[in-house]
Protein backbone atom coordinates (compact mmCIF):
# COMPACT_ATOMS: atom_id res chain seq x y z
CA ILE A 1 194.79 -18.13 41.09
CA VAL A 2 193.15 -20.06 44.04
CA GLU A 3 191.63 -22.55 42.03
CA GLN A 4 195.35 -23.31 40.39
CA LEU A 5 197.01 -23.29 44.13
CA GLU A 6 197.44 -26.87 45.66
CA ALA A 7 201.05 -26.22 47.82
CA PRO A 8 200.24 -25.97 51.02
CA GLU A 9 202.51 -22.64 51.45
CA GLU A 10 201.08 -21.27 48.52
CA LYS A 11 197.39 -21.60 50.55
CA ILE A 12 199.16 -20.56 54.11
CA LEU A 13 200.52 -17.38 52.29
CA VAL A 14 197.32 -16.49 50.81
CA ILE A 15 195.11 -16.99 53.76
CA ASP A 16 197.92 -14.87 55.82
CA SER A 17 198.05 -12.35 53.55
CA LEU A 18 193.78 -12.11 53.46
CA ARG A 19 193.13 -12.76 57.21
CA GLU A 20 193.27 -9.04 57.99
CA HIS A 21 190.51 -8.29 55.49
CA VAL A 22 188.03 -10.53 55.14
CA VAL A 23 184.93 -8.57 56.59
CA LYS A 24 185.34 -5.60 54.26
CA LEU A 25 186.21 -7.95 51.14
CA SER A 26 183.27 -10.30 52.28
CA LEU A 27 180.28 -7.30 51.47
CA ASN A 28 182.71 -5.48 48.74
CA ILE A 29 180.99 -6.90 45.21
CA TYR A 30 184.04 -8.42 43.67
CA GLY A 31 185.84 -9.18 47.11
CA THR A 32 182.91 -11.40 47.88
CA HIS A 33 183.84 -13.84 45.22
CA VAL A 34 188.06 -14.69 46.11
CA ILE A 35 186.51 -14.99 50.28
CA GLU A 36 183.58 -17.27 48.35
CA ARG A 37 186.28 -19.35 46.03
CA ILE A 38 188.54 -19.75 49.15
CA LEU A 39 185.82 -21.36 51.43
CA THR A 40 185.26 -23.78 48.03
CA ASN A 41 188.95 -24.45 47.34
CA PHE A 42 190.76 -24.37 50.42
CA GLU A 43 190.71 -27.78 53.57
CA TYR A 44 189.35 -26.55 56.22
CA GLU A 45 193.14 -26.87 58.06
CA TYR A 46 193.21 -23.73 56.05
CA ILE A 47 189.86 -21.58 55.97
CA LYS A 48 190.47 -22.04 59.78
CA PRO A 49 191.38 -18.45 60.27
CA ILE A 50 188.59 -17.01 57.38
CA SER A 51 186.24 -19.08 59.15
CA ASP A 52 187.45 -17.47 62.96
CA ALA A 53 186.76 -13.52 61.00
CA ILE A 54 183.25 -14.47 59.11
CA LEU A 55 182.09 -15.73 63.03
CA GLU A 56 183.21 -13.19 64.61
CA ASN A 57 181.28 -10.76 62.41
CA PHE A 58 178.54 -12.98 61.03
CA LEU A 59 175.41 -10.79 61.83
CA PHE A 60 176.96 -7.97 59.76
CA LEU A 61 177.81 -9.97 56.23
CA ALA A 62 174.45 -11.99 57.23
CA ASN A 63 172.38 -9.49 56.57
CA ASN A 64 175.08 -7.52 53.59
CA PRO A 65 173.32 -8.70 50.53
CA ASN A 66 177.69 -9.73 49.32
CA GLY A 67 178.45 -11.15 52.49
CA LEU A 68 175.46 -13.38 52.11
CA CYS A 69 176.69 -15.38 49.81
CA VAL A 70 180.10 -15.80 51.54
CA ILE A 71 177.94 -17.05 54.59
CA LYS A 72 176.02 -19.51 52.97
CA LYS A 73 179.04 -21.08 51.79
CA GLU A 74 180.52 -20.93 55.60
CA ILE A 75 177.12 -22.56 56.28
CA ILE A 76 177.57 -25.40 54.10
CA ILE A 77 181.36 -25.65 54.70
CA GLU A 78 181.14 -25.59 58.90
CA ASN A 79 179.49 -27.91 58.87
CA LYS A 80 180.32 -30.04 62.46
CA GLN A 81 183.99 -28.47 61.33
CA ALA A 82 185.50 -26.75 64.58
CA ASN A 83 183.27 -23.91 64.98
CA TYR A 84 179.84 -25.51 63.40
CA GLY A 85 179.21 -25.52 67.94
CA ALA A 86 179.77 -21.59 67.50
CA LEU A 87 178.74 -21.09 64.25
CA LYS A 88 175.40 -22.62 65.53
CA LYS A 89 174.99 -20.38 69.25
CA GLU A 90 175.50 -17.35 67.22
CA ILE A 91 172.09 -18.57 64.48
CA SER A 92 170.27 -19.80 67.14
CA LYS A 93 170.80 -16.53 69.33
CA ASP A 94 170.79 -14.11 66.43
CA SER A 95 167.36 -16.05 64.50
CA LEU A 96 164.25 -13.58 65.08
CA VAL A 97 167.15 -11.14 63.81
CA LEU A 98 167.62 -13.48 60.66
CA ILE A 99 165.07 -14.52 60.00
CA GLN A 100 163.45 -10.75 59.99
CA ASN A 101 165.94 -9.46 57.70
CA PRO A 102 165.42 -9.39 53.41
CA TYR A 103 169.08 -11.01 53.19
CA GLY A 104 169.62 -12.60 56.53
CA ASN A 105 166.31 -14.88 55.58
CA TYR A 106 168.16 -16.82 53.25
CA ALA A 107 170.50 -18.01 55.88
CA LEU A 108 168.26 -20.07 57.93
CA GLN A 109 166.84 -21.46 54.66
CA THR A 110 170.65 -22.40 53.86
CA VAL A 111 170.86 -24.28 57.38
CA LEU A 112 167.50 -26.05 57.08
CA GLU A 113 168.33 -27.58 53.69
CA ASN A 114 171.51 -28.42 54.84
CA TRP A 115 172.65 -29.22 58.74
CA ASP A 116 171.09 -32.41 60.87
CA LEU A 117 167.41 -32.16 61.89
CA ASP A 118 167.85 -31.73 65.37
CA ASP A 119 170.14 -29.06 64.84
CA CYS A 120 167.86 -27.38 62.94
CA GLU A 121 164.59 -27.86 65.72
CA GLU A 122 166.89 -26.14 67.75
CA ILE A 123 167.45 -23.49 66.09
CA MET A 124 163.35 -23.38 64.93
CA SER A 125 162.34 -23.75 68.68
CA ASN A 126 163.20 -19.64 69.05
CA PHE A 127 159.98 -19.43 66.84
CA TYR A 128 157.58 -20.97 68.64
CA GLY A 129 155.44 -17.96 70.91
CA LYS A 130 155.73 -16.39 67.09
CA CYS A 131 154.49 -18.30 64.58
CA ILE A 132 151.81 -16.39 63.46
CA LEU A 133 153.18 -12.97 63.57
CA LEU A 134 156.51 -14.41 61.43
CA SER A 135 153.71 -16.20 59.49
CA LEU A 136 152.45 -12.93 58.28
CA GLN A 137 155.49 -11.21 57.53
CA LYS A 138 157.10 -11.29 53.72
CA TYR A 139 160.82 -12.65 54.64
CA SER A 140 160.32 -14.51 57.62
CA SER A 141 156.88 -16.39 55.95
CA ASN A 142 159.91 -17.81 53.94
CA VAL A 143 161.87 -19.59 56.35
CA ILE A 144 158.13 -20.33 58.45
CA GLU A 145 157.42 -22.76 55.25
CA LYS A 146 160.84 -24.32 55.28
CA CYS A 147 160.58 -24.71 58.35
CA LEU A 148 156.94 -26.79 57.98
CA GLU A 149 158.58 -28.85 55.14
CA ARG A 150 161.19 -30.13 57.35
CA SER A 151 160.06 -30.69 60.38
CA GLN A 152 157.58 -32.35 62.05
CA LEU A 153 157.54 -30.95 65.08
CA PHE A 154 157.95 -27.88 64.15
CA LEU A 155 154.44 -27.92 61.70
CA GLN A 156 152.87 -29.94 65.18
CA ASN A 157 154.00 -27.04 67.37
CA CYS A 158 153.24 -24.52 64.80
CA LEU A 159 149.83 -25.93 64.46
CA ARG A 160 148.81 -25.89 68.02
CA GLU A 161 149.86 -22.31 68.15
CA ILE A 162 147.02 -21.36 65.32
CA LEU A 163 144.61 -23.73 66.24
CA MET A 164 144.96 -21.95 69.99
CA ASN A 165 144.78 -18.52 69.64
CA ASP A 166 141.28 -16.82 69.12
CA THR A 167 141.04 -18.53 65.50
CA SER A 168 137.73 -16.17 64.78
CA SER A 169 140.59 -13.28 64.42
CA THR A 170 143.31 -14.98 63.85
CA PHE A 171 142.44 -17.27 61.05
CA PRO A 172 140.95 -14.63 58.23
CA VAL A 173 144.02 -12.40 59.47
CA LEU A 174 146.28 -16.09 57.99
CA LEU A 175 143.95 -17.26 55.05
CA ARG A 176 143.85 -13.25 53.57
CA ASN A 177 147.16 -12.56 54.00
CA ASN A 178 149.59 -12.65 51.20
CA PHE A 179 152.52 -14.13 52.93
CA GLY A 180 150.23 -15.83 55.82
CA ASN A 181 147.82 -17.64 53.55
CA TYR A 182 151.22 -19.50 51.83
CA VAL A 183 151.95 -20.74 55.51
CA ILE A 184 148.41 -22.18 55.89
CA GLN A 185 148.58 -24.04 52.43
CA THR A 186 152.19 -25.32 53.71
CA ILE A 187 150.78 -26.83 56.73
CA LEU A 188 147.42 -28.44 54.71
CA ARG A 189 150.40 -30.08 51.98
CA CYS A 190 152.79 -31.19 55.22
CA LEU A 191 150.38 -32.75 57.50
CA PRO A 192 149.39 -36.39 56.81
CA ASN A 193 145.82 -37.19 56.18
CA SER A 194 144.63 -37.59 59.93
CA GLN A 195 141.37 -36.12 62.52
CA ILE A 196 143.91 -33.22 62.82
CA ARG A 197 144.07 -32.05 59.19
CA THR A 198 140.53 -32.52 58.81
CA ALA A 199 139.86 -30.47 62.18
CA LEU A 200 141.62 -27.75 60.47
CA ILE A 201 140.02 -27.55 56.62
CA SER A 202 136.99 -27.79 59.04
CA GLU A 203 138.85 -24.43 60.65
CA ILE A 204 139.44 -22.74 57.23
CA LYS A 205 136.49 -23.64 56.04
CA ARG A 206 133.87 -22.13 59.15
CA ASN A 207 136.56 -18.97 58.84
CA ILE A 208 136.30 -18.26 55.22
CA GLU A 209 132.89 -16.87 55.44
CA CYS A 210 133.71 -14.34 57.41
CA ILE A 211 136.39 -12.95 54.63
CA SER A 212 134.46 -10.48 52.54
CA ASP A 213 137.14 -10.27 49.48
CA LYS A 214 135.65 -12.85 47.99
CA LYS A 215 138.48 -13.63 45.62
CA VAL A 216 139.97 -15.32 48.62
CA THR A 217 137.38 -16.98 49.86
CA TYR A 218 137.55 -18.77 46.12
CA LYS A 219 140.40 -19.72 46.43
CA TRP A 220 140.54 -21.40 49.24
CA LYS A 221 137.38 -23.26 48.39
CA LYS A 222 138.73 -23.98 45.56
CA ILE A 223 141.89 -25.51 47.90
CA ILE A 224 139.78 -27.28 50.05
CA SER A 225 138.03 -28.64 47.20
CA SER A 226 141.15 -29.94 45.49
CA LEU A 227 142.25 -31.53 48.56
CA GLN A 228 139.52 -33.46 49.25
CA VAL A 229 139.19 -34.89 45.77
CA ARG A 230 142.63 -36.49 46.52
């Protein structure tokens, strides 16, 4: 029905009927599809009340498997619209909670995939000083990888944070960690051929000798060898 509505009066009627039930429907396994269709099919002038309700309950919805689906649509649709500034502020405020949540981290990934770089970097700045810790966690490491791929500024700051720490204790942990090792691989992949990249490879070589797990050591030697061949 939502997809077939064309007359303004019909769209207004639907919005007025549902505006008090947005959160309840967004959390429901079936209702979430209705809210998603409204966001996708109605012009912004009609969905503003729905958007307002989503914004008021952003974190609650983003950390729910059904609510997340609505949040992802909202992030895409709200881009540069009336609630964009407020939504960006809310995401930035909640970013450290979202990045570590099994569902909320996907909200951040949606932002990184769809918003302008300047706005993304504003949100990424909340992770400075915490990149190592976030790289070691299952959900947050995925977002850190996305940040590294999206922004050279974030890449340089994250790498500086890693190298400024005591690498003799930090590096072996990152290299053998199930999630941290992919972050280091992403840094290597995204770094241009430069002295910094060479220095990072040297640091990896030096630290893999401290890892007792021979499989991990062999894996990193293979990765480094492939990079040097290229």
